[in-house]
Structures are given as C-alpha cells and as structure tokens.
Amino acid sequence: MIMLGFIFGWPRRIRKLRKRWDRLREKSLKKRGLVKKTALEKLDMTEQKLKTLEEQRITRLDRSRLAREVDLDLTEIKAMLKATPDEIVQATQASMRQQQKQQAVQ
C-alpha cells in the first residue's frame, strides 16, 4: 500500500514538478539577456513554493493550491522561454504601461 502512494500520490506529483523546474532552469541558463534574467527570477520564486511542498506538512487544500500555483508558474515560464525576443519586449512594455496606469489612478 505504501508503494502505491509513492507511485500515484502526492510525492509523485511533487517529483514531477521538481523535474519540470530543473529542466526549465537548464533551458533558461542557455538563454541570454532579459529572457534569462526574468526566467531565473521567476524560477527562484517558484523554487520557494516547491521547497514548501517538499519539506513542510501542510493541509490537503493548501498543498493542492500550492501545487497548482507551481504548475501555472512553470507553464508561464515555459511559454516565456519559447517566445521570440520581440514578443518579450512587447509584453514587458505592456506590463510597464499597466503599472503606470495603476500608479496614476492611485
């Protein structure tokens, strides 16, 4: 019974998330410039969540929420690494404009 939990349960999902994180980290280290910097920053933030999942005992609800957040973060980083440099520049400019609008409203 313990073996089935190891194969199909939460430890397997956490191992898969860690494996995806490792692969994305290797890919981001091969990139250059703004893409590399941004991807590594996001991966560092995601690693903190992964460490929480691996090391701390938390409730099922929190564990599933945190695992979903990590999954979404990794998907976002993967899309960022696949994007062309022009798309990344446009996305950063759009986010800067949005931040300026929010500051103007406040």
PDB file of N, CA and C in Angstrom:
ATOM      1  N   MET A   1       0.806  -1.199   0.000  1.00  0.00           N
ATOM      2  CA  MET A   1       0.000   0.000   0.000  1.00  0.00           C
ATOM      3  C   MET A   1       0.851   1.266   0.000  1.00  0.00           C
ATOM      4  N   ILE A   2       1.931   1.242   0.756  1.00  0.00           N
ATOM      5  CA  ILE A   2       2.808   2.410   0.811  1.00  0.00           C
ATOM      6  C   ILE A   2       3.413   2.664  -0.555  1.00  0.00           C
ATOM      7  N   MET A   3       3.736   1.609  -1.275  1.00  0.00           N
ATOM      8  CA  MET A   3       4.338   1.755  -2.591  1.00  0.00           C
ATOM      9  C   MET A   3       3.379   2.423  -3.571  1.00  0.00           C
ATOM     10  N   LEU A   4       2.097   2.092  -3.485  1.00  0.00           N
ATOM     11  CA  LEU A   4       1.121   2.718  -4.375  1.00  0.00           C
ATOM     12  C   LEU A   4       1.016   4.209  -4.112  1.00  0.00           C
ATOM     13  N   GLY A   5       1.076   4.608  -2.856  1.00  0.00           N
ATOM     14  CA  GLY A   5       1.056   6.027  -2.531  1.00  0.00           C
ATOM     15  C   GLY A   5       2.274   6.745  -3.077  1.00  0.00           C
ATOM     16  N   PHE A   6       3.400   6.087  -3.051  1.00  0.00           N
ATOM     17  CA  PHE A   6       4.635   6.667  -3.577  1.00  0.00           C
ATOM     18  C   PHE A   6       4.561   6.834  -5.093  1.00  0.00           C
ATOM     19  N   ILE A   7       3.947   5.837  -5.767  1.00  0.00           N
ATOM     20  CA  ILE A   7       3.879   5.867  -7.228  1.00  0.00           C
ATOM     21  C   ILE A   7       2.796   6.808  -7.729  1.00  0.00           C
ATOM     22  N   PHE A   8       1.630   6.797  -7.097  1.00  0.00           N
ATOM     23  CA  PHE A   8       0.492   7.538  -7.615  1.00  0.00           C
ATOM     24  C   PHE A   8       0.110   8.768  -6.808  1.00  0.00           C
ATOM     25  N   GLY A   9       0.651   8.964  -5.651  1.00  0.00           N
ATOM     26  CA  GLY A   9       0.195  10.013  -4.763  1.00  0.00           C
ATOM     27  C   GLY A   9       0.908  11.344  -4.946  1.00  0.00           C
ATOM     28  N   TRP A  10       0.843  12.149  -3.897  1.00  0.00           N
ATOM     29  CA  TRP A  10       1.437  13.486  -3.911  1.00  0.00           C
ATOM     30  C   TRP A  10       2.941  13.485  -4.109  1.00  0.00           C
ATOM     31  N   PRO A  11       3.669  12.537  -3.508  1.00  0.00           N
ATOM     32  CA  PRO A  11       5.121  12.556  -3.742  1.00  0.00           C
ATOM     33  C   PRO A  11       5.489  12.471  -5.221  1.00  0.00           C
ATOM     34  N   ARG A  12       4.716  11.719  -5.987  1.00  0.00           N
ATOM     35  CA  ARG A  12       4.981  11.616  -7.425  1.00  0.00           C
ATOM     36  C   ARG A  12       4.732  12.952  -8.111  1.00  0.00           C
ATOM     37  N   ARG A  13       3.641  13.602  -7.764  1.00  0.00           N
ATOM     38  CA  ARG A  13       3.328  14.893  -8.381  1.00  0.00           C
ATOM     39  C   ARG A  13       4.402  15.925  -8.044  1.00  0.00           C
ATOM     40  N   ILE A  14       4.859  15.913  -6.821  1.00  0.00           N
ATOM     41  CA  ILE A  14       5.897  16.856  -6.414  1.00  0.00           C
ATOM     42  C   ILE A  14       7.203  16.558  -7.151  1.00  0.00           C
ATOM     43  N   ARG A  15       7.533  15.269  -7.306  1.00  0.00           N
ATOM     44  CA  ARG A  15       8.744  14.907  -8.053  1.00  0.00           C
ATOM     45  C   ARG A  15       8.653  15.368  -9.500  1.00  0.00           C
ATOM     46  N   LYS A  16       7.472  15.227 -10.113  1.00  0.00           N
ATOM     47  CA  LYS A  16       7.284  15.665 -11.498  1.00  0.00           C
ATOM     48  C   LYS A  16       7.424  17.180 -11.613  1.00  0.00           C
ATOM     49  N   LEU A  17       6.874  17.918 -10.636  1.00  0.00           N
ATOM     50  CA  LEU A  17       7.014  19.372 -10.663  1.00  0.00           C
ATOM     51  C   LEU A  17       8.477  19.776 -10.511  1.00  0.00           C
ATOM     52  N   ARG A  18       9.205  19.098  -9.627  1.00  0.00           N
ATOM     53  CA  ARG A  18      10.621  19.403  -9.432  1.00  0.00           C
ATOM     54  C   ARG A  18      11.417  19.103 -10.706  1.00  0.00           C
ATOM     55  N   LYS A  19      11.065  18.019 -11.378  1.00  0.00           N
ATOM     56  CA  LYS A  19      11.750  17.651 -12.614  1.00  0.00           C
ATOM     57  C   LYS A  19      11.506  18.708 -13.699  1.00  0.00           C
ATOM     58  N   ARG A  20      10.257  19.169 -13.829  1.00  0.00           N
ATOM     59  CA  ARG A  20       9.952  20.242 -14.784  1.00  0.00           C
ATOM     60  C   ARG A  20      10.724  21.501 -14.447  1.00  0.00           C
ATOM     61  N   TRP A  21      10.794  21.824 -13.150  1.00  0.00           N
ATOM     62  CA  TRP A  21      11.516  23.001 -12.701  1.00  0.00           C
ATOM     63  C   TRP A  21      12.994  22.886 -13.085  1.00  0.00           C
ATOM     64  N   ASP A  22      13.597  21.725 -12.852  1.00  0.00           N
ATOM     65  CA  ASP A  22      15.006  21.512 -13.192  1.00  0.00           C
ATOM     66  C   ASP A  22      15.257  21.684 -14.687  1.00  0.00           C
ATOM     67  N   ARG A  23      14.391  21.110 -15.497  1.00  0.00           N
ATOM     68  CA  ARG A  23      14.564  21.218 -16.954  1.00  0.00           C
ATOM     69  C   ARG A  23      14.427  22.664 -17.423  1.00  0.00           C
ATOM     70  N   LEU A  24      13.449  23.376 -16.887  1.00  0.00           N
ATOM     71  CA  LEU A  24      13.285  24.776 -17.274  1.00  0.00           C
ATOM     72  C   LEU A  24      14.466  25.623 -16.814  1.00  0.00           C
ATOM     73  N   ARG A  25      15.022  25.301 -15.670  1.00  0.00           N
ATOM     74  CA  ARG A  25      16.202  26.024 -15.181  1.00  0.00           C
ATOM     75  C   ARG A  25      17.387  25.820 -16.127  1.00  0.00           C
ATOM     76  N   GLU A  26      17.587  24.586 -16.574  1.00  0.00           N
ATOM     77  CA  GLU A  26      18.664  24.316 -17.520  1.00  0.00           C
ATOM     78  C   GLU A  26      18.457  25.068 -18.826  1.00  0.00           C
ATOM     79  N   LYS A  27      17.226  25.097 -19.309  1.00  0.00           N
ATOM     80  CA  LYS A  27      16.939  25.815 -20.556  1.00  0.00           C
ATOM     81  C   LYS A  27      17.128  27.317 -20.391  1.00  0.00           C
ATOM     82  N   SER A  28      16.734  27.845 -19.237  1.00  0.00           N
ATOM     83  CA  SER A  28      16.864  29.289 -19.029  1.00  0.00           C
ATOM     84  C   SER A  28      18.329  29.703 -18.891  1.00  0.00           C
ATOM     85  N   LEU A  29      19.168  28.821 -18.388  1.00  0.00           N
ATOM     86  CA  LEU A  29      20.593  29.141 -18.274  1.00  0.00           C
ATOM     87  C   LEU A  29      21.255  29.238 -19.646  1.00  0.00           C
ATOM     88  N   LYS A  30      20.665  28.618 -20.653  1.00  0.00           N
ATOM     89  CA  LYS A  30      21.207  28.687 -22.012  1.00  0.00           C
ATOM     90  C   LYS A  30      20.804  29.973 -22.730  1.00  0.00           C
ATOM     91  N   LYS A  31      19.764  30.639 -22.244  1.00  0.00           N
ATOM     92  CA  LYS A  31      19.298  31.882 -22.875  1.00  0.00           C
ATOM     93  C   LYS A  31      20.211  33.041 -22.506  1.00  0.00           C
ATOM     94  N   ARG A  32      19.963  34.182 -23.120  1.00  0.00           N
ATOM     95  CA  ARG A  32      20.767  35.369 -22.851  1.00  0.00           C
ATOM     96  C   ARG A  32      19.866  36.576 -22.603  1.00  0.00           C
ATOM     97  N   GLY A  33      20.421  37.547 -21.930  1.00  0.00           N
ATOM     98  CA  GLY A  33      19.780  38.839 -21.766  1.00  0.00           C
ATOM     99  C   GLY A  33      18.592  38.839 -20.822  1.00  0.00           C
ATOM    100  N   LEU A  34      17.594  39.629 -21.214  1.00  0.00           N
ATOM    101  CA  LEU A  34      16.407  39.856 -20.387  1.00  0.00           C
ATOM    102  C   LEU A  34      15.626  38.568 -20.141  1.00  0.00           C
ATOM    103  N   VAL A  35      15.578  37.714 -21.143  1.00  0.00           N
ATOM    104  CA  VAL A  35      14.833  36.455 -21.004  1.00  0.00           C
ATOM    105  C   VAL A  35      15.439  35.614 -19.890  1.00  0.00           C
ATOM    106  N   LYS A  36      16.752  35.510 -19.889  1.00  0.00           N
ATOM    107  CA  LYS A  36      17.439  34.709 -18.883  1.00  0.00           C
ATOM    108  C   LYS A  36      17.204  35.273 -17.488  1.00  0.00           C
ATOM    109  N   LYS A  37      17.351  36.581 -17.363  1.00  0.00           N
ATOM    110  CA  LYS A  37      17.191  37.222 -16.055  1.00  0.00           C
ATOM    111  C   LYS A  37      15.775  37.038 -15.513  1.00  0.00           C
ATOM    112  N   THR A  38      14.791  37.306 -16.344  1.00  0.00           N
ATOM    113  CA  THR A  38      13.397  37.204 -15.923  1.00  0.00           C
ATOM    114  C   THR A  38      13.026  35.760 -15.582  1.00  0.00           C
ATOM    115  N   ALA A  39      13.451  34.825 -16.430  1.00  0.00           N
ATOM    116  CA  ALA A  39      13.123  33.415 -16.193  1.00  0.00           C
ATOM    117  C   ALA A  39      13.758  32.916 -14.897  1.00  0.00           C
ATOM    118  N   LEU A  40      15.001  33.289 -14.653  1.00  0.00           N
ATOM    119  CA  LEU A  40      15.676  32.846 -13.433  1.00  0.00           C
ATOM    120  C   LEU A  40      15.031  33.445 -12.183  1.00  0.00           C
ATOM    121  N   GLU A  41      14.594  34.698 -12.271  1.00  0.00           N
ATOM    122  CA  GLU A  41      13.908  35.311 -11.122  1.00  0.00           C
ATOM    123  C   GLU A  41      12.611  34.573 -10.819  1.00  0.00           C
ATOM    124  N   LYS A  42      11.838  34.267 -11.863  1.00  0.00           N
ATOM    125  CA  LYS A  42      10.573  33.560 -11.655  1.00  0.00           C
ATOM    126  C   LYS A  42      10.815  32.138 -11.157  1.00  0.00           C
ATOM    127  N   LEU A  43      11.861  31.499 -11.661  1.00  0.00           N
ATOM    128  CA  LEU A  43      12.180  30.152 -11.202  1.00  0.00           C
ATOM    129  C   LEU A  43      12.603  30.157  -9.736  1.00  0.00           C
ATOM    130  N   ASP A  44      13.306  31.192  -9.311  1.00  0.00           N
ATOM    131  CA  ASP A  44      13.699  31.284  -7.902  1.00  0.00           C
ATOM    132  C   ASP A  44      12.476  31.440  -7.001  1.00  0.00           C
ATOM    133  N   MET A  45      11.506  32.250  -7.441  1.00  0.00           N
ATOM    134  CA  MET A  45      10.286  32.407  -6.650  1.00  0.00           C
ATOM    135  C   MET A  45       9.497  31.091  -6.594  1.00  0.00           C
ATOM    136  N   THR A  46       9.475  30.386  -7.718  1.00  0.00           N
ATOM    137  CA  THR A  46       8.766  29.118  -7.779  1.00  0.00           C
ATOM    138  C   THR A  46       9.454  28.064  -6.927  1.00  0.00           C
ATOM    139  N   GLU A  47      10.780  28.139  -6.834  1.00  0.00           N
ATOM    140  CA  GLU A  47      11.513  27.155  -6.032  1.00  0.00           C
ATOM    141  C   GLU A  47      11.116  27.222  -4.561  1.00  0.00           C
ATOM    142  N   GLN A  48      10.824  28.419  -4.070  1.00  0.00           N
ATOM    143  CA  GLN A  48      10.396  28.549  -2.677  1.00  0.00           C
ATOM    144  C   GLN A  48       9.099  27.786  -2.431  1.00  0.00           C
ATOM    145  N   LYS A  49       8.193  27.866  -3.382  1.00  0.00           N
ATOM    146  CA  LYS A  49       6.933  27.127  -3.250  1.00  0.00           C
ATOM    147  C   LYS A  49       7.181  25.617  -3.310  1.00  0.00           C
ATOM    148  N   LEU A  50       8.088  25.213  -4.196  1.00  0.00           N
ATOM    149  CA  LEU A  50       8.416  23.793  -4.300  1.00  0.00           C
ATOM    150  C   LEU A  50       9.039  23.279  -3.009  1.00  0.00           C
ATOM    151  N   LYS A  51       9.909  24.057  -2.415  1.00  0.00           N
ATOM    152  CA  LYS A  51      10.521  23.654  -1.149  1.00  0.00           C
ATOM    153  C   LYS A  51       9.463  23.489  -0.065  1.00  0.00           C
ATOM    154  N   THR A  52       8.498  24.388  -0.060  1.00  0.00           N
ATOM    155  CA  THR A  52       7.406  24.282   0.908  1.00  0.00           C
ATOM    156  C   THR A  52       6.654  22.974   0.709  1.00  0.00           C
ATOM    157  N   LEU A  53       6.352  22.638  -0.547  1.00  0.00           N
ATOM    158  CA  LEU A  53       5.651  21.389  -0.833  1.00  0.00           C
ATOM    159  C   LEU A  53       6.468  20.177  -0.411  1.00  0.00           C
ATOM    160  N   GLU A  54       7.768  20.219  -0.616  1.00  0.00           N
ATOM    161  CA  GLU A  54       8.614  19.069  -0.333  1.00  0.00           C
ATOM    162  C   GLU A  54       8.888  18.886   1.157  1.00  0.00           C
ATOM    163  N   GLU A  55       9.062  19.972   1.875  1.00  0.00           N
ATOM    164  CA  GLU A  55       9.591  19.877   3.230  1.00  0.00           C
ATOM    165  C   GLU A  55       8.565  20.041   4.343  1.00  0.00           C
ATOM    166  N   GLN A  56       7.495  20.764   4.100  1.00  0.00           N
ATOM    167  CA  GLN A  56       6.557  21.049   5.185  1.00  0.00           C
ATOM    168  C   GLN A  56       5.297  20.208   5.066  1.00  0.00           C
ATOM    169  N   ARG A  57       4.736  19.897   6.207  1.00  0.00           N
ATOM    170  CA  ARG A  57       3.451  19.203   6.228  1.00  0.00           C
ATOM    171  C   ARG A  57       2.360  20.261   6.287  1.00  0.00           C
ATOM    172  N   ILE A  58       1.580  20.329   5.240  1.00  0.00           N
ATOM    173  CA  ILE A  58       0.501  21.307   5.162  1.00  0.00           C
ATOM    174  C   ILE A  58      -0.795  20.587   4.819  1.00  0.00           C
ATOM    175  N   THR A  59      -1.902  21.282   4.971  1.00  0.00           N
ATOM    176  CA  THR A  59      -3.202  20.661   4.720  1.00  0.00           C
ATOM    177  C   THR A  59      -3.361  20.315   3.242  1.00  0.00           C
ATOM    178  N   ARG A  60      -4.277  19.418   2.974  1.00  0.00           N
ATOM    179  CA  ARG A  60      -4.508  18.997   1.588  1.00  0.00           C
ATOM    180  C   ARG A  60      -4.924  20.159   0.702  1.00  0.00           C
ATOM    181  N   LEU A  61      -5.762  21.005   1.223  1.00  0.00           N
ATOM    182  CA  LEU A  61      -6.231  22.142   0.443  1.00  0.00           C
ATOM    183  C   LEU A  61      -5.078  23.071   0.094  1.00  0.00           C
ATOM    184  N   ASP A  62      -4.254  23.402   1.065  1.00  0.00           N
ATOM    185  CA  ASP A  62      -3.103  24.267   0.809  1.00  0.00           C
ATOM    186  C   ASP A  62      -2.101  23.599  -0.126  1.00  0.00           C
ATOM    187  N   ARG A  63      -1.933  22.303   0.072  1.00  0.00           N
ATOM    188  CA  ARG A  63      -0.994  21.561  -0.765  1.00  0.00           C
ATOM    189  C   ARG A  63      -1.446  21.557  -2.218  1.00  0.00           C
ATOM    190  N   SER A  64      -2.725  21.336  -2.455  1.00  0.00           N
ATOM    191  CA  SER A  64      -3.224  21.323  -3.833  1.00  0.00           C
ATOM    192  C   SER A  64      -3.179  22.717  -4.445  1.00  0.00           C
ATOM    193  N   ARG A  65      -3.504  23.741  -3.647  1.00  0.00           N
ATOM    194  CA  ARG A  65      -3.437  25.118  -4.150  1.00  0.00           C
ATOM    195  C   ARG A  65      -2.011  25.484  -4.531  1.00  0.00           C
ATOM    196  N   LEU A  66      -1.069  25.139  -3.675  1.00  0.00           N
ATOM    197  CA  LEU A  66       0.333  25.461  -3.919  1.00  0.00           C
ATOM    198  C   LEU A  66       0.871  24.683  -5.123  1.00  0.00           C
ATOM    199  N   ALA A  67       0.481  23.422  -5.263  1.00  0.00           N
ATOM    200  CA  ALA A  67       0.913  22.624  -6.414  1.00  0.00           C
ATOM    201  C   ALA A  67       0.360  23.205  -7.709  1.00  0.00           C
ATOM    202  N   ARG A  68      -0.852  23.680  -7.676  1.00  0.00           N
ATOM    203  CA  ARG A  68      -1.457  24.288  -8.862  1.00  0.00           C
ATOM    204  C   ARG A  68      -0.746  25.592  -9.219  1.00  0.00           C
ATOM    205  N   GLU A  69      -0.400  26.398  -8.218  1.00  0.00           N
ATOM    206  CA  GLU A  69       0.339  27.637  -8.461  1.00  0.00           C
ATOM    207  C   GLU A  69       1.689  27.346  -9.102  1.00  0.00           C
ATOM    208  N   VAL A  70       2.380  26.330  -8.596  1.00  0.00           N
ATOM    209  CA  VAL A  70       3.683  25.959  -9.153  1.00  0.00           C
ATOM    210  C   VAL A  70       3.513  25.510 -10.602  1.00  0.00           C
ATOM    211  N   ASP A  71       2.491  24.714 -10.859  1.00  0.00           N
ATOM    212  CA  ASP A  71       2.239  24.236 -12.215  1.00  0.00           C
ATOM    213  C   ASP A  71       1.982  25.395 -13.166  1.00  0.00           C
ATOM    214  N   LEU A  72       1.165  26.353 -12.747  1.00  0.00           N
ATOM    215  CA  LEU A  72       0.884  27.516 -13.589  1.00  0.00           C
ATOM    216  C   LEU A  72       2.134  28.364 -13.807  1.00  0.00           C
ATOM    217  N   ASP A  73       2.929  28.545 -12.761  1.00  0.00           N
ATOM    218  CA  ASP A  73       4.173  29.311 -12.893  1.00  0.00           C
ATOM    219  C   ASP A  73       5.123  28.654 -13.889  1.00  0.00           C
ATOM    220  N   LEU A  74       5.250  27.338 -13.811  1.00  0.00           N
ATOM    221  CA  LEU A  74       6.142  26.629 -14.724  1.00  0.00           C
ATOM    222  C   LEU A  74       5.649  26.704 -16.163  1.00  0.00           C
ATOM    223  N   THR A  75       4.335  26.651 -16.349  1.00  0.00           N
ATOM    224  CA  THR A  75       3.763  26.785 -17.688  1.00  0.00           C
ATOM    225  C   THR A  75       4.049  28.177 -18.254  1.00  0.00           C
ATOM    226  N   GLU A  76       3.919  29.189 -17.412  1.00  0.00           N
ATOM    227  CA  GLU A  76       4.199  30.565 -17.829  1.00  0.00           C
ATOM    228  C   GLU A  76       5.678  30.742 -18.202  1.00  0.00           C
ATOM    229  N   ILE A  77       6.555  30.164 -17.425  1.00  0.00           N
ATOM    230  CA  ILE A  77       7.990  30.265 -17.698  1.00  0.00           C
ATOM    231  C   ILE A  77       8.333  29.534 -18.992  1.00  0.00           C
ATOM    232  N   LYS A  78       7.717  28.388 -19.207  1.00  0.00           N
ATOM    233  CA  LYS A  78       7.957  27.632 -20.433  1.00  0.00           C
ATOM    234  C   LYS A  78       7.537  28.439 -21.658  1.00  0.00           C
ATOM    235  N   ALA A  79       6.386  29.099 -21.570  1.00  0.00           N
ATOM    236  CA  ALA A  79       5.927  29.936 -22.674  1.00  0.00           C
ATOM    237  C   ALA A  79       6.880  31.104 -22.898  1.00  0.00           C
ATOM    238  N   MET A  80       7.407  31.667 -21.822  1.00  0.00           N
ATOM    239  CA  MET A  80       8.340  32.779 -21.931  1.00  0.00           C
ATOM    240  C   MET A  80       9.623  32.342 -22.642  1.00  0.00           C
ATOM    241  N   LEU A  81      10.096  31.150 -22.336  1.00  0.00           N
ATOM    242  CA  LEU A  81      11.328  30.666 -22.957  1.00  0.00           C
ATOM    243  C   LEU A  81      11.127  30.347 -24.435  1.00  0.00           C
ATOM    244  N   LYS A  82       9.918  29.977 -24.821  1.00  0.00           N
ATOM    245  CA  LYS A  82       9.636  29.686 -26.222  1.00  0.00           C
ATOM    246  C   LYS A  82       9.376  30.949 -27.040  1.00  0.00           C
ATOM    247  N   ALA A  83       9.051  32.046 -26.373  1.00  0.00           N
ATOM    248  CA  ALA A  83       8.696  33.277 -27.064  1.00  0.00           C
ATOM    249  C   ALA A  83       9.914  33.886 -27.758  1.00  0.00           C
ATOM    250  N   THR A  84       9.639  34.651 -28.808  1.00  0.00           N
ATOM    251  CA  THR A  84      10.717  35.353 -29.508  1.00  0.00           C
ATOM    252  C   THR A  84      11.076  36.615 -28.721  1.00  0.00           C
ATOM    253  N   PRO A  85      12.257  37.167 -28.934  1.00  0.00           N
ATOM    254  CA  PRO A  85      12.658  38.382 -28.207  1.00  0.00           C
ATOM    255  C   PRO A  85      11.699  39.556 -28.424  1.00  0.00           C
ATOM    256  N   ASP A  86      11.129  39.688 -29.625  1.00  0.00           N
ATOM    257  CA  ASP A  86      10.186  40.777 -29.896  1.00  0.00           C
ATOM    258  C   ASP A  86       8.929  40.648 -29.040  1.00  0.00           C
ATOM    259  N   GLU A  87       8.427  39.435 -28.884  1.00  0.00           N
ATOM    260  CA  GLU A  87       7.238  39.218 -28.060  1.00  0.00           C
ATOM    261  C   GLU A  87       7.508  39.564 -26.603  1.00  0.00           C
ATOM    262  N   ILE A  88       8.703  39.264 -26.139  1.00  0.00           N
ATOM    263  CA  ILE A  88       9.056  39.545 -24.745  1.00  0.00           C
ATOM    264  C   ILE A  88       9.136  41.041 -24.507  1.00  0.00           C
ATOM    265  N   VAL A  89       9.730  41.779 -25.449  1.00  0.00           N
ATOM    266  CA  VAL A  89       9.828  43.231 -25.315  1.00  0.00           C
ATOM    267  C   VAL A  89       8.432  43.844 -25.289  1.00  0.00           C
ATOM    268  N   GLN A  90       7.550  43.382 -26.168  1.00  0.00           N
ATOM    269  CA  GLN A  90       6.178  43.895 -26.197  1.00  0.00           C
ATOM    270  C   GLN A  90       5.455  43.606 -24.891  1.00  0.00           C
ATOM    271  N   ALA A  91       5.651  42.425 -24.338  1.00  0.00           N
ATOM    272  CA  ALA A  91       4.980  42.063 -23.093  1.00  0.00           C
ATOM    273  C   ALA A  91       5.488  42.905 -21.927  1.00  0.00           C
ATOM    274  N   THR A  92       6.791  43.163 -21.875  1.00  0.00           N
ATOM    275  CA  THR A  92       7.331  43.984 -20.787  1.00  0.00           C
ATOM    276  C   THR A  92       6.861  45.419 -20.911  1.00  0.00           C
ATOM    277  N   GLN A  93       6.789  45.934 -22.133  1.00  0.00           N
ATOM    278  CA  GLN A  93       6.296  47.300 -22.324  1.00  0.00           C
ATOM    279  C   GLN A  93       4.827  47.405 -21.925  1.00  0.00           C
ATOM    280  N   ALA A  94       4.034  46.407 -22.263  1.00  0.00           N
ATOM    281  CA  ALA A  94       2.618  46.421 -21.903  1.00  0.00           C
ATOM    282  C   ALA A  94       2.443  46.374 -20.391  1.00  0.00           C
ATOM    283  N   SER A  95       3.249  45.573 -19.714  1.00  0.00           N
ATOM    284  CA  SER A  95       3.130  45.495 -18.255  1.00  0.00           C
ATOM    285  C   SER A  95       3.590  46.798 -17.602  1.00  0.00           C
ATOM    286  N   MET A  96       4.583  47.456 -18.194  1.00  0.00           N
ATOM    287  CA  MET A  96       5.028  48.740 -17.650  1.00  0.00           C
ATOM    288  C   MET A  96       3.940  49.804 -17.810  1.00  0.00           C
ATOM    289  N   ARG A  97       3.269  49.806 -18.958  1.00  0.00           N
ATOM    290  CA  ARG A  97       2.170  50.753 -19.178  1.00  0.00           C
ATOM    291  C   ARG A  97       1.041  50.515 -18.172  1.00  0.00           C
ATOM    292  N   GLN A  98       0.744  49.257 -17.927  1.00  0.00           N
ATOM    293  CA  GLN A  98      -0.317  48.922 -16.982  1.00  0.00           C
ATOM    294  C   GLN A  98       0.052  49.388 -15.574  1.00  0.00           C
ATOM    295  N   GLN A  99       1.298  49.218 -15.178  1.00  0.00           N
ATOM    296  CA  GLN A  99       1.743  49.682 -13.866  1.00  0.00           C
ATOM    297  C   GLN A  99       1.663  51.198 -13.766  1.00  0.00           C
ATOM    298  N   GLN A 100       2.010  51.902 -14.830  1.00  0.00           N
ATOM    299  CA  GLN A 100       1.937  53.356 -14.827  1.00  0.00           C
ATOM    300  C   GLN A 100       0.491  53.821 -14.698  1.00  0.00           C
ATOM    301  N   LYS A 101      -0.438  53.140 -15.349  1.00  0.00           N
ATOM    302  CA  LYS A 101      -1.842  53.490 -15.237  1.00  0.00           C
ATOM    303  C   LYS A 101      -2.346  53.286 -13.817  1.00  0.00           C
ATOM    304  N   GLN A 102      -1.918  52.198 -13.196  1.00  0.00           N
ATOM    305  CA  GLN A 102      -2.337  51.934 -11.822  1.00  0.00           C
ATOM    306  C   GLN A 102      -1.786  52.989 -10.869  1.00  0.00           C
ATOM    307  N   GLN A 103      -0.560  53.415 -11.087  1.00  0.00           N
ATOM    308  CA  GLN A 103       0.017  54.446 -10.258  1.00  0.00           C
ATOM    309  C   GLN A 103      -0.688  55.787 -10.454  1.00  0.00           C
ATOM    310  N   ALA A 104      -1.110  56.083 -11.684  1.00  0.00           N
ATOM    311  CA  ALA A 104      -1.805  57.320 -11.961  1.00  0.00           C
ATOM    312  C   ALA A 104      -3.174  57.341 -11.282  1.00  0.00           C
ATOM    313  N   VAL A 105      -3.821  56.205 -11.204  1.00  0.00           N
ATOM    314  CA  VAL A 105      -5.127  56.105 -10.586  1.00  0.00           C
ATOM    315  C   VAL A 105      -4.999  56.330  -9.068  1.00  0.00           C
ATOM    316  N   GLN A 106      -3.927  55.837  -8.495  1.00  0.00           N
ATOM    317  CA  GLN A 106      -3.748  55.970  -7.045  1.00  0.00           C
ATOM    318  C   GLN A 106      -3.347  57.379  -6.734  1.00  0.00           C
TER     319      GLN A 106
END
